[in-house]
Amino acid sequence: MSHINILEEKPLTLIEVSEELGKVKKRDETLSPRSLKVEEYAHKFKVGELVVVQDLRQKLQALDILRLKEKHIVKLLDLMPEDLESLKIIFAGEDLTLKQEDLQKVLECLR
């Protein structure tokens, strides 16, 4: 079995995954069975447009909430919570607690 070196690891939103798979599809003309399943899932559940998601990502990063990491931002962009309760549920599975004012800032940014 060949050895794979991981050069970079970066969380991607479903829209970004869709875009990357599109590039691979153009290059290779076909996708592997696993990639096809990922493509189907990404198309089914992606929210918004790439430009809008990238803009929202920059706004969330600009909030400078130290505990809010890139993986959290990606999860927020994929799920787009609309209220405080939904936002808290998203973070319930994470080892992350944010102040009420920070949660409000995140919600305002996502609206």
PDB file of N, CA and C in Angstrom:
ATOM      1  N   MET A   1       0.842  -1.168   0.000  1.00  0.00           N
ATOM      2  CA  MET A   1       0.000   0.000   0.000  1.00  0.00           C
ATOM      3  C   MET A   1       0.890   1.235   0.000  1.00  0.00           C
ATOM      4  N   SER A   2       0.533   2.233  -0.782  1.00  0.00           N
ATOM      5  CA  SER A   2       1.346   3.434  -0.881  1.00  0.00           C
ATOM      6  C   SER A   2       1.180   4.314   0.345  1.00  0.00           C
ATOM      7  N   HIS A   3       2.205   5.091   0.613  1.00  0.00           N
ATOM      8  CA  HIS A   3       2.188   5.993   1.754  1.00  0.00           C
ATOM      9  C   HIS A   3       1.760   7.384   1.292  1.00  0.00           C
ATOM     10  N   ILE A   4       0.807   7.972   1.987  1.00  0.00           N
ATOM     11  CA  ILE A   4       0.289   9.283   1.608  1.00  0.00           C
ATOM     12  C   ILE A   4       0.775  10.311   2.626  1.00  0.00           C
ATOM     13  N   ASN A   5       1.362  11.387   2.130  1.00  0.00           N
ATOM     14  CA  ASN A   5       1.775  12.487   2.988  1.00  0.00           C
ATOM     15  C   ASN A   5       0.716  13.575   2.921  1.00  0.00           C
ATOM     16  N   ILE A   6       0.202  13.950   4.069  1.00  0.00           N
ATOM     17  CA  ILE A   6      -0.773  15.031   4.127  1.00  0.00           C
ATOM     18  C   ILE A   6      -0.003  16.331   4.240  1.00  0.00           C
ATOM     19  N   LEU A   7      -0.150  17.181   3.239  1.00  0.00           N
ATOM     20  CA  LEU A   7       0.575  18.439   3.217  1.00  0.00           C
ATOM     21  C   LEU A   7      -0.157  19.541   3.961  1.00  0.00           C
ATOM     22  N   GLU A   8      -1.481  19.504   3.896  1.00  0.00           N
ATOM     23  CA  GLU A   8      -2.272  20.550   4.528  1.00  0.00           C
ATOM     24  C   GLU A   8      -3.632  19.988   4.891  1.00  0.00           C
ATOM     25  N   GLU A   9      -4.138  20.413   6.018  1.00  0.00           N
ATOM     26  CA  GLU A   9      -5.471  20.014   6.442  1.00  0.00           C
ATOM     27  C   GLU A   9      -6.259  21.288   6.719  1.00  0.00           C
ATOM     28  N   LYS A  10      -7.382  21.438   6.016  1.00  0.00           N
ATOM     29  CA  LYS A  10      -8.176  22.652   6.147  1.00  0.00           C
ATOM     30  C   LYS A  10      -9.651  22.278   6.090  1.00  0.00           C
ATOM     31  N   PRO A  11     -10.443  22.731   7.075  1.00  0.00           N
ATOM     32  CA  PRO A  11     -11.878  22.454   7.026  1.00  0.00           C
ATOM     33  C   PRO A  11     -12.538  23.199   5.860  1.00  0.00           C
ATOM     34  N   LEU A  12     -13.431  22.515   5.157  1.00  0.00           N
ATOM     35  CA  LEU A  12     -14.130  23.112   4.021  1.00  0.00           C
ATOM     36  C   LEU A  12     -15.637  23.043   4.237  1.00  0.00           C
ATOM     37  N   THR A  13     -16.328  24.059   3.759  1.00  0.00           N
ATOM     38  CA  THR A  13     -17.782  24.016   3.765  1.00  0.00           C
ATOM     39  C   THR A  13     -18.237  23.083   2.652  1.00  0.00           C
ATOM     40  N   LEU A  14     -19.502  22.705   2.678  1.00  0.00           N
ATOM     41  CA  LEU A  14     -20.020  21.818   1.635  1.00  0.00           C
ATOM     42  C   LEU A  14     -19.936  22.465   0.255  1.00  0.00           C
ATOM     43  N   ILE A  15     -20.099  23.770   0.196  1.00  0.00           N
ATOM     44  CA  ILE A  15     -19.988  24.468  -1.097  1.00  0.00           C
ATOM     45  C   ILE A  15     -18.562  24.380  -1.624  1.00  0.00           C
ATOM     46  N   GLU A  16     -17.591  24.553  -0.730  1.00  0.00           N
ATOM     47  CA  GLU A  16     -16.184  24.458  -1.141  1.00  0.00           C
ATOM     48  C   GLU A  16     -15.833  23.030  -1.553  1.00  0.00           C
ATOM     49  N   VAL A  17     -16.388  22.048  -0.865  1.00  0.00           N
ATOM     50  CA  VAL A  17     -16.175  20.647  -1.250  1.00  0.00           C
ATOM     51  C   VAL A  17     -16.726  20.413  -2.649  1.00  0.00           C
ATOM     52  N   SER A  18     -17.903  20.952  -2.907  1.00  0.00           N
ATOM     53  CA  SER A  18     -18.531  20.827  -4.224  1.00  0.00           C
ATOM     54  C   SER A  18     -17.640  21.428  -5.314  1.00  0.00           C
ATOM     55  N   GLU A  19     -17.094  22.606  -5.037  1.00  0.00           N
ATOM     56  CA  GLU A  19     -16.208  23.277  -5.989  1.00  0.00           C
ATOM     57  C   GLU A  19     -14.952  22.447  -6.252  1.00  0.00           C
ATOM     58  N   GLU A  20     -14.348  21.929  -5.190  1.00  0.00           N
ATOM     59  CA  GLU A  20     -13.130  21.127  -5.332  1.00  0.00           C
ATOM     60  C   GLU A  20     -13.400  19.843  -6.108  1.00  0.00           C
ATOM     61  N   LEU A  21     -14.526  19.202  -5.834  1.00  0.00           N
ATOM     62  CA  LEU A  21     -14.878  17.997  -6.583  1.00  0.00           C
ATOM     63  C   LEU A  21     -15.127  18.317  -8.056  1.00  0.00           C
ATOM     64  N   GLY A  22     -15.675  19.496  -8.322  1.00  0.00           N
ATOM     65  CA  GLY A  22     -15.862  19.929  -9.702  1.00  0.00           C
ATOM     66  C   GLY A  22     -14.530  20.055 -10.428  1.00  0.00           C
ATOM     67  N   LYS A  23     -13.523  20.577  -9.749  1.00  0.00           N
ATOM     68  CA  LYS A  23     -12.179  20.701 -10.337  1.00  0.00           C
ATOM     69  C   LYS A  23     -11.585  19.329 -10.618  1.00  0.00           C
ATOM     70  N   VAL A  24     -11.758  18.407  -9.666  1.00  0.00           N
ATOM     71  CA  VAL A  24     -11.243  17.043  -9.842  1.00  0.00           C
ATOM     72  C   VAL A  24     -11.957  16.360 -10.998  1.00  0.00           C
ATOM     73  N   LYS A  25     -13.265  16.587 -11.090  1.00  0.00           N
ATOM     74  CA  LYS A  25     -14.065  15.983 -12.167  1.00  0.00           C
ATOM     75  C   LYS A  25     -13.609  16.480 -13.533  1.00  0.00           C
ATOM     76  N   LYS A  26     -13.298  17.775 -13.629  1.00  0.00           N
ATOM     77  CA  LYS A  26     -12.786  18.319 -14.894  1.00  0.00           C
ATOM     78  C   LYS A  26     -11.435  17.715 -15.235  1.00  0.00           C
ATOM     79  N   ARG A  27     -10.584  17.590 -14.214  1.00  0.00           N
ATOM     80  CA  ARG A  27      -9.235  17.082 -14.438  1.00  0.00           C
ATOM     81  C   ARG A  27      -9.246  15.595 -14.804  1.00  0.00           C
ATOM     82  N   ASP A  28     -10.001  14.792 -14.041  1.00  0.00           N
ATOM     83  CA  ASP A  28      -9.978  13.343 -14.213  1.00  0.00           C
ATOM     84  C   ASP A  28     -11.117  12.804 -15.070  1.00  0.00           C
ATOM     85  N   GLU A  29     -12.074  13.635 -15.404  1.00  0.00           N
ATOM     86  CA  GLU A  29     -13.252  13.303 -16.199  1.00  0.00           C
ATOM     87  C   GLU A  29     -14.259  12.400 -15.478  1.00  0.00           C
ATOM     88  N   THR A  30     -13.839  11.772 -14.392  1.00  0.00           N
ATOM     89  CA  THR A  30     -14.757  10.939 -13.615  1.00  0.00           C
ATOM     90  C   THR A  30     -14.317  10.952 -12.154  1.00  0.00           C
ATOM     91  N   LEU A  31     -15.238  10.625 -11.282  1.00  0.00           N
ATOM     92  CA  LEU A  31     -14.929  10.571  -9.861  1.00  0.00           C
ATOM     93  C   LEU A  31     -14.993   9.137  -9.359  1.00  0.00           C
ATOM     94  N   SER A  32     -14.273   8.869  -8.290  1.00  0.00           N
ATOM     95  CA  SER A  32     -14.333   7.549  -7.674  1.00  0.00           C
ATOM     96  C   SER A  32     -15.714   7.376  -7.030  1.00  0.00           C
ATOM     97  N   PRO A  33     -16.098   6.145  -6.742  1.00  0.00           N
ATOM     98  CA  PRO A  33     -17.408   5.925  -6.108  1.00  0.00           C
ATOM     99  C   PRO A  33     -17.577   6.708  -4.797  1.00  0.00           C
ATOM    100  N   ARG A  34     -16.540   6.781  -4.000  1.00  0.00           N
ATOM    101  CA  ARG A  34     -16.625   7.532  -2.747  1.00  0.00           C
ATOM    102  C   ARG A  34     -16.799   9.026  -3.030  1.00  0.00           C
ATOM    103  N   SER A  35     -16.084   9.539  -3.997  1.00  0.00           N
ATOM    104  CA  SER A  35     -16.197  10.953  -4.366  1.00  0.00           C
ATOM    105  C   SER A  35     -17.584  11.271  -4.913  1.00  0.00           C
ATOM    106  N   LEU A  36     -18.169  10.334  -5.645  1.00  0.00           N
ATOM    107  CA  LEU A  36     -19.522  10.529  -6.164  1.00  0.00           C
ATOM    108  C   LEU A  36     -20.532  10.653  -5.028  1.00  0.00           C
ATOM    109  N   LYS A  37     -20.357   9.831  -3.980  1.00  0.00           N
ATOM    110  CA  LYS A  37     -21.260   9.907  -2.822  1.00  0.00           C
ATOM    111  C   LYS A  37     -21.084  11.244  -2.098  1.00  0.00           C
ATOM    112  N   VAL A  38     -19.844  11.683  -1.960  1.00  0.00           N
ATOM    113  CA  VAL A  38     -19.576  12.970  -1.315  1.00  0.00           C
ATOM    114  C   VAL A  38     -20.177  14.101  -2.146  1.00  0.00           C
ATOM    115  N   GLU A  39     -20.031  14.014  -3.459  1.00  0.00           N
ATOM    116  CA  GLU A  39     -20.592  15.038  -4.344  1.00  0.00           C
ATOM    117  C   GLU A  39     -22.119  15.093  -4.212  1.00  0.00           C
ATOM    118  N   GLU A  40     -22.746  13.948  -4.180  1.00  0.00           N
ATOM    119  CA  GLU A  40     -24.202  13.877  -4.035  1.00  0.00           C
ATOM    120  C   GLU A  40     -24.641  14.500  -2.702  1.00  0.00           C
ATOM    121  N   TYR A  41     -23.942  14.158  -1.633  1.00  0.00           N
ATOM    122  CA  TYR A  41     -24.256  14.705  -0.311  1.00  0.00           C
ATOM    123  C   TYR A  41     -24.070  16.225  -0.295  1.00  0.00           C
ATOM    124  N   ALA A  42     -22.955  16.697  -0.848  1.00  0.00           N
ATOM    125  CA  ALA A  42     -22.658  18.130  -0.852  1.00  0.00           C
ATOM    126  C   ALA A  42     -23.713  18.905  -1.630  1.00  0.00           C
ATOM    127  N   HIS A  43     -24.146  18.373  -2.771  1.00  0.00           N
ATOM    128  CA  HIS A  43     -25.169  19.055  -3.562  1.00  0.00           C
ATOM    129  C   HIS A  43     -26.520  19.060  -2.844  1.00  0.00           C
ATOM    130  N   LYS A  44     -26.779  18.011  -2.099  1.00  0.00           N
ATOM    131  CA  LYS A  44     -28.066  17.892  -1.425  1.00  0.00           C
ATOM    132  C   LYS A  44     -28.188  18.848  -0.234  1.00  0.00           C
ATOM    133  N   PHE A  45     -27.084  19.060   0.481  1.00  0.00           N
ATOM    134  CA  PHE A  45     -27.159  19.800   1.739  1.00  0.00           C
ATOM    135  C   PHE A  45     -26.449  21.153   1.747  1.00  0.00           C
ATOM    136  N   LYS A  46     -25.824  21.540   0.661  1.00  0.00           N
ATOM    137  CA  LYS A  46     -25.114  22.824   0.679  1.00  0.00           C
ATOM    138  C   LYS A  46     -26.107  23.981   0.773  1.00  0.00           C
ATOM    139  N   VAL A  47     -25.638  25.050   1.415  1.00  0.00           N
ATOM    140  CA  VAL A  47     -26.472  26.217   1.660  1.00  0.00           C
ATOM    141  C   VAL A  47     -25.791  27.433   1.039  1.00  0.00           C
ATOM    142  N   GLY A  48     -26.509  28.181   0.212  1.00  0.00           N
ATOM    143  CA  GLY A  48     -25.975  29.436  -0.319  1.00  0.00           C
ATOM    144  C   GLY A  48     -25.055  29.281  -1.511  1.00  0.00           C
ATOM    145  N   GLU A  49     -24.398  30.383  -1.822  1.00  0.00           N
ATOM    146  CA  GLU A  49     -23.463  30.442  -2.935  1.00  0.00           C
ATOM    147  C   GLU A  49     -22.044  30.604  -2.397  1.00  0.00           C
ATOM    148  N   LEU A  50     -21.059  30.209  -3.191  1.00  0.00           N
ATOM    149  CA  LEU A  50     -19.669  30.242  -2.762  1.00  0.00           C
ATOM    150  C   LEU A  50     -19.235  31.643  -2.335  1.00  0.00           C
ATOM    151  N   VAL A  51     -19.581  32.649  -3.109  1.00  0.00           N
ATOM    152  CA  VAL A  51     -19.165  34.025  -2.811  1.00  0.00           C
ATOM    153  C   VAL A  51     -19.760  34.487  -1.486  1.00  0.00           C
ATOM    154  N   VAL A  52     -21.020  34.168  -1.250  1.00  0.00           N
ATOM    155  CA  VAL A  52     -21.693  34.564  -0.007  1.00  0.00           C
ATOM    156  C   VAL A  52     -21.055  33.857   1.182  1.00  0.00           C
ATOM    157  N   VAL A  53     -20.773  32.580   1.048  1.00  0.00           N
ATOM    158  CA  VAL A  53     -20.174  31.801   2.130  1.00  0.00           C
ATOM    159  C   VAL A  53     -18.770  32.326   2.445  1.00  0.00           C
ATOM    160  N   GLN A  54     -18.000  32.640   1.429  1.00  0.00           N
ATOM    161  CA  GLN A  54     -16.663  33.181   1.657  1.00  0.00           C
ATOM    162  C   GLN A  54     -16.734  34.534   2.366  1.00  0.00           C
ATOM    163  N   ASP A  55     -17.708  35.346   1.996  1.00  0.00           N
ATOM    164  CA  ASP A  55     -17.894  36.641   2.639  1.00  0.00           C
ATOM    165  C   ASP A  55     -18.270  36.464   4.117  1.00  0.00           C
ATOM    166  N   LEU A  56     -19.198  35.551   4.386  1.00  0.00           N
ATOM    167  CA  LEU A  56     -19.600  35.273   5.761  1.00  0.00           C
ATOM    168  C   LEU A  56     -18.435  34.728   6.581  1.00  0.00           C
ATOM    169  N   ARG A  57     -17.610  33.892   5.968  1.00  0.00           N
ATOM    170  CA  ARG A  57     -16.436  33.348   6.661  1.00  0.00           C
ATOM    171  C   ARG A  57     -15.513  34.482   7.096  1.00  0.00           C
ATOM    172  N   GLN A  58     -15.273  35.424   6.194  1.00  0.00           N
ATOM    173  CA  GLN A  58     -14.412  36.563   6.534  1.00  0.00           C
ATOM    174  C   GLN A  58     -15.018  37.401   7.649  1.00  0.00           C
ATOM    175  N   LYS A  59     -16.333  37.592   7.623  1.00  0.00           N
ATOM    176  CA  LYS A  59     -16.999  38.364   8.676  1.00  0.00           C
ATOM    177  C   LYS A  59     -16.891  37.658  10.030  1.00  0.00           C
ATOM    178  N   LEU A  60     -17.069  36.340  10.035  1.00  0.00           N
ATOM    179  CA  LEU A  60     -16.961  35.589  11.285  1.00  0.00           C
ATOM    180  C   LEU A  60     -15.532  35.615  11.822  1.00  0.00           C
ATOM    181  N   GLN A  61     -14.553  35.522  10.935  1.00  0.00           N
ATOM    182  CA  GLN A  61     -13.164  35.586  11.367  1.00  0.00           C
ATOM    183  C   GLN A  61     -12.828  36.980  11.894  1.00  0.00           C
ATOM    184  N   ALA A  62     -13.435  37.992  11.320  1.00  0.00           N
ATOM    185  CA  ALA A  62     -13.179  39.376  11.737  1.00  0.00           C
ATOM    186  C   ALA A  62     -13.750  39.678  13.119  1.00  0.00           C
ATOM    187  N   LEU A  63     -14.661  38.848  13.607  1.00  0.00           N
ATOM    188  CA  LEU A  63     -15.202  39.052  14.947  1.00  0.00           C
ATOM    189  C   LEU A  63     -14.132  38.881  16.025  1.00  0.00           C
ATOM    190  N   ASP A  64     -13.057  38.203  15.693  1.00  0.00           N
ATOM    191  CA  ASP A  64     -11.934  37.968  16.611  1.00  0.00           C
ATOM    192  C   ASP A  64     -12.364  37.314  17.927  1.00  0.00           C
ATOM    193  N   ILE A  65     -13.204  36.316  17.808  1.00  0.00           N
ATOM    194  CA  ILE A  65     -13.568  35.521  18.983  1.00  0.00           C
ATOM    195  C   ILE A  65     -12.521  34.417  19.078  1.00  0.00           C
ATOM    196  N   LEU A  66     -11.662  34.510  20.076  1.00  0.00           N
ATOM    197  CA  LEU A  66     -10.490  33.645  20.159  1.00  0.00           C
ATOM    198  C   LEU A  66     -10.814  32.157  20.188  1.00  0.00           C
ATOM    199  N   ARG A  67     -11.860  31.779  20.861  1.00  0.00           N
ATOM    200  CA  ARG A  67     -12.183  30.357  20.991  1.00  0.00           C
ATOM    201  C   ARG A  67     -12.872  29.795  19.746  1.00  0.00           C
ATOM    202  N   LEU A  68     -13.333  30.659  18.853  1.00  0.00           N
ATOM    203  CA  LEU A  68     -14.034  30.229  17.644  1.00  0.00           C
ATOM    204  C   LEU A  68     -13.005  29.878  16.568  1.00  0.00           C
ATOM    205  N   LYS A  69     -12.800  28.603  16.350  1.00  0.00           N
ATOM    206  CA  LYS A  69     -11.792  28.120  15.398  1.00  0.00           C
ATOM    207  C   LYS A  69     -12.399  27.939  14.010  1.00  0.00           C
ATOM    208  N   GLU A  70     -11.538  27.674  13.047  1.00  0.00           N
ATOM    209  CA  GLU A  70     -11.965  27.512  11.658  1.00  0.00           C
ATOM    210  C   GLU A  70     -12.974  26.382  11.507  1.00  0.00           C
ATOM    211  N   LYS A  71     -12.784  25.280  12.224  1.00  0.00           N
ATOM    212  CA  LYS A  71     -13.724  24.151  12.118  1.00  0.00           C
ATOM    213  C   LYS A  71     -15.113  24.548  12.620  1.00  0.00           C
ATOM    214  N   HIS A  72     -15.182  25.427  13.619  1.00  0.00           N
ATOM    215  CA  HIS A  72     -16.465  25.900  14.123  1.00  0.00           C
ATOM    216  C   HIS A  72     -17.142  26.808  13.097  1.00  0.00           C
ATOM    217  N   ILE A  73     -16.343  27.648  12.470  1.00  0.00           N
ATOM    218  CA  ILE A  73     -16.873  28.568  11.453  1.00  0.00           C
ATOM    219  C   ILE A  73     -17.455  27.781  10.287  1.00  0.00           C
ATOM    220  N   VAL A  74     -16.755  26.749   9.855  1.00  0.00           N
ATOM    221  CA  VAL A  74     -17.233  25.919   8.742  1.00  0.00           C
ATOM    222  C   VAL A  74     -18.552  25.247   9.115  1.00  0.00           C
ATOM    223  N   LYS A  75     -18.644  24.742  10.341  1.00  0.00           N
ATOM    224  CA  LYS A  75     -19.880  24.096  10.789  1.00  0.00           C
ATOM    225  C   LYS A  75     -21.033  25.102  10.786  1.00  0.00           C
ATOM    226  N   LEU A  76     -20.757  26.317  11.244  1.00  0.00           N
ATOM    227  CA  LEU A  76     -21.788  27.357  11.246  1.00  0.00           C
ATOM    228  C   LEU A  76     -22.246  27.684   9.833  1.00  0.00           C
ATOM    229  N   LEU A  77     -21.314  27.761   8.907  1.00  0.00           N
ATOM    230  CA  LEU A  77     -21.657  28.098   7.520  1.00  0.00           C
ATOM    231  C   LEU A  77     -22.435  26.982   6.832  1.00  0.00           C
ATOM    232  N   ASP A  78     -22.179  25.759   7.216  1.00  0.00           N
ATOM    233  CA  ASP A  78     -22.920  24.638   6.631  1.00  0.00           C
ATOM    234  C   ASP A  78     -24.339  24.546   7.192  1.00  0.00           C
ATOM    235  N   LEU A  79     -24.509  24.906   8.459  1.00  0.00           N
ATOM    236  CA  LEU A  79     -25.814  24.739   9.107  1.00  0.00           C
ATOM    237  C   LEU A  79     -26.631  26.022   9.173  1.00  0.00           C
ATOM    238  N   MET A  80     -25.986  27.178   9.137  1.00  0.00           N
ATOM    239  CA  MET A  80     -26.638  28.493   9.144  1.00  0.00           C
ATOM    240  C   MET A  80     -27.767  28.590  10.180  1.00  0.00           C
ATOM    241  N   PRO A  81     -27.416  28.541  11.470  1.00  0.00           N
ATOM    242  CA  PRO A  81     -28.449  28.646  12.503  1.00  0.00           C
ATOM    243  C   PRO A  81     -29.142  30.009  12.446  1.00  0.00           C
ATOM    244  N   GLU A  82     -30.419  30.014  12.769  1.00  0.00           N
ATOM    245  CA  GLU A  82     -31.205  31.242  12.677  1.00  0.00           C
ATOM    246  C   GLU A  82     -31.550  31.836  14.039  1.00  0.00           C
ATOM    247  N   ASP A  83     -31.367  31.050  15.106  1.00  0.00           N
ATOM    248  CA  ASP A  83     -31.675  31.575  16.436  1.00  0.00           C
ATOM    249  C   ASP A  83     -30.636  31.088  17.445  1.00  0.00           C
ATOM    250  N   LEU A  84     -30.705  31.664  18.616  1.00  0.00           N
ATOM    251  CA  LEU A  84     -29.732  31.378  19.662  1.00  0.00           C
ATOM    252  C   LEU A  84     -29.760  29.921  20.088  1.00  0.00           C
ATOM    253  N   GLU A  85     -30.942  29.346  20.171  1.00  0.00           N
ATOM    254  CA  GLU A  85     -31.075  27.947  20.585  1.00  0.00           C
ATOM    255  C   GLU A  85     -30.386  27.010  19.582  1.00  0.00           C
ATOM    256  N   SER A  86     -30.585  27.253  18.292  1.00  0.00           N
ATOM    257  CA  SER A  86     -29.937  26.436  17.260  1.00  0.00           C
ATOM    258  C   SER A  86     -28.422  26.578  17.327  1.00  0.00           C
ATOM    259  N   LEU A  87     -27.967  27.780  17.572  1.00  0.00           N
ATOM    260  CA  LEU A  87     -26.526  28.033  17.682  1.00  0.00           C
ATOM    261  C   LEU A  87     -25.933  27.268  18.869  1.00  0.00           C
ATOM    262  N   LYS A  88     -26.627  27.286  19.989  1.00  0.00           N
ATOM    263  CA  LYS A  88     -26.153  26.561  21.168  1.00  0.00           C
ATOM    264  C   LYS A  88     -26.126  25.061  20.917  1.00  0.00           C
ATOM    265  N   ILE A  89     -27.101  24.556  20.186  1.00  0.00           N
ATOM    266  CA  ILE A  89     -27.151  23.123  19.872  1.00  0.00           C
ATOM    267  C   ILE A  89     -25.952  22.728  19.008  1.00  0.00           C
ATOM    268  N   ILE A  90     -25.582  23.580  18.075  1.00  0.00           N
ATOM    269  CA  ILE A  90     -24.424  23.294  17.210  1.00  0.00           C
ATOM    270  C   ILE A  90     -23.163  23.164  18.048  1.00  0.00           C
ATOM    271  N   PHE A  91     -23.005  24.035  19.033  1.00  0.00           N
ATOM    272  CA  PHE A  91     -21.800  24.011  19.857  1.00  0.00           C
ATOM    273  C   PHE A  91     -21.875  23.007  21.001  1.00  0.00           C
ATOM    274  N   ALA A  92     -23.015  22.381  21.217  1.00  0.00           N
ATOM    275  CA  ALA A  92     -23.177  21.441  22.329  1.00  0.00           C
ATOM    276  C   ALA A  92     -22.226  20.253  22.207  1.00  0.00           C
ATOM    277  N   GLY A  93     -21.969  19.788  21.018  1.00  0.00           N
ATOM    278  CA  GLY A  93     -21.093  18.640  20.815  1.00  0.00           C
ATOM    279  C   GLY A  93     -19.615  19.005  20.796  1.00  0.00           C
ATOM    280  N   GLU A  94     -19.321  20.283  20.840  1.00  0.00           N
ATOM    281  CA  GLU A  94     -17.947  20.746  20.797  1.00  0.00           C
ATOM    282  C   GLU A  94     -17.467  21.094  22.204  1.00  0.00           C
ATOM    283  N   ASP A  95     -16.176  21.125  22.370  1.00  0.00           N
ATOM    284  CA  ASP A  95     -15.594  21.577  23.625  1.00  0.00           C
ATOM    285  C   ASP A  95     -15.400  23.090  23.528  1.00  0.00           C
ATOM    286  N   LEU A  96     -16.526  23.798  23.468  1.00  0.00           N
ATOM    287  CA  LEU A  96     -16.491  25.234  23.241  1.00  0.00           C
ATOM    288  C   LEU A  96     -17.645  25.895  23.983  1.00  0.00           C
ATOM    289  N   THR A  97     -17.313  26.890  24.754  1.00  0.00           N
ATOM    290  CA  THR A  97     -18.342  27.708  25.388  1.00  0.00           C
ATOM    291  C   THR A  97     -18.039  29.163  25.060  1.00  0.00           C
ATOM    292  N   LEU A  98     -19.060  29.858  24.621  1.00  0.00           N
ATOM    293  CA  LEU A  98     -18.914  31.266  24.265  1.00  0.00           C
ATOM    294  C   LEU A  98     -19.826  32.100  25.148  1.00  0.00           C
ATOM    295  N   LYS A  99     -19.409  33.325  25.387  1.00  0.00           N
ATOM    296  CA  LYS A  99     -20.239  34.250  26.143  1.00  0.00           C
ATOM    297  C   LYS A  99     -21.487  34.587  25.334  1.00  0.00           C
ATOM    298  N   GLN A 100     -22.518  34.973  26.035  1.00  0.00           N
ATOM    299  CA  GLN A 100     -23.793  35.326  25.395  1.00  0.00           C
ATOM    300  C   GLN A 100     -23.605  36.414  24.341  1.00  0.00           C
ATOM    301  N   GLU A 101     -22.778  37.410  24.646  1.00  0.00           N
ATOM    302  CA  GLU A 101     -22.557  38.511  23.701  1.00  0.00           C
ATOM    303  C   GLU A 101     -21.836  38.027  22.440  1.00  0.00           C
ATOM    304  N   ASP A 102     -20.922  37.056  22.595  1.00  0.00           N
ATOM    305  CA  ASP A 102     -20.244  36.498  21.424  1.00  0.00           C
ATOM    306  C   ASP A 102     -21.216  35.688  20.564  1.00  0.00           C
ATOM    307  N   LEU A 103     -22.104  34.953  21.218  1.00  0.00           N
ATOM    308  CA  LEU A 103     -23.124  34.200  20.478  1.00  0.00           C
ATOM    309  C   LEU A 103     -24.021  35.155  19.684  1.00  0.00           C
ATOM    310  N   GLN A 104     -24.382  36.253  20.278  1.00  0.00           N
ATOM    311  CA  GLN A 104     -25.215  37.262  19.587  1.00  0.00           C
ATOM    312  C   GLN A 104     -24.475  37.840  18.394  1.00  0.00           C
ATOM    313  N   LYS A 105     -23.180  38.105  18.550  1.00  0.00           N
ATOM    314  CA  LYS A 105     -22.368  38.632  17.441  1.00  0.00           C
ATOM    315  C   LYS A 105     -22.350  37.646  16.274  1.00  0.00           C
ATOM    316  N   VAL A 106     -22.201  36.376  16.588  1.00  0.00           N
ATOM    317  CA  VAL A 106     -22.176  35.339  15.543  1.00  0.00           C
ATOM    318  C   VAL A 106     -23.516  35.303  14.821  1.00  0.00           C
ATOM    319  N   LEU A 107     -24.609  35.333  15.565  1.00  0.00           N
ATOM    320  CA  LEU A 107     -25.947  35.317  14.949  1.00  0.00           C
ATOM    321  C   LEU A 107     -26.170  36.537  14.051  1.00  0.00           C
ATOM    322  N   GLU A 108     -25.764  37.693  14.516  1.00  0.00           N
ATOM    323  CA  GLU A 108     -25.918  38.912  13.715  1.00  0.00           C
ATOM    324  C   GLU A 108     -25.116  38.810  12.416  1.00  0.00           C
ATOM    325  N   CYS A 109     -23.961  38.222  12.508  1.00  0.00           N
ATOM    326  CA  CYS A 109     -23.108  38.061  11.322  1.00  0.00           C
ATOM    327  C   CYS A 109     -23.747  37.113  10.301  1.00  0.00           C
ATOM    328  N   LEU A 110     -24.416  36.084  10.782  1.00  0.00           N
ATOM    329  CA  LEU A 110     -25.014  35.087   9.895  1.00  0.00           C
ATOM    330  C   LEU A 110     -26.326  35.548   9.262  1.00  0.00           C
ATOM    331  N   ARG A 111     -26.911  36.606   9.765  1.00  0.00           N
ATOM    332  CA  ARG A 111     -28.205  37.079   9.230  1.00  0.00           C
ATOM    333  C   ARG A 111     -28.031  37.881   7.995  1.00  0.00           C
TER     334      ARG A 111
END
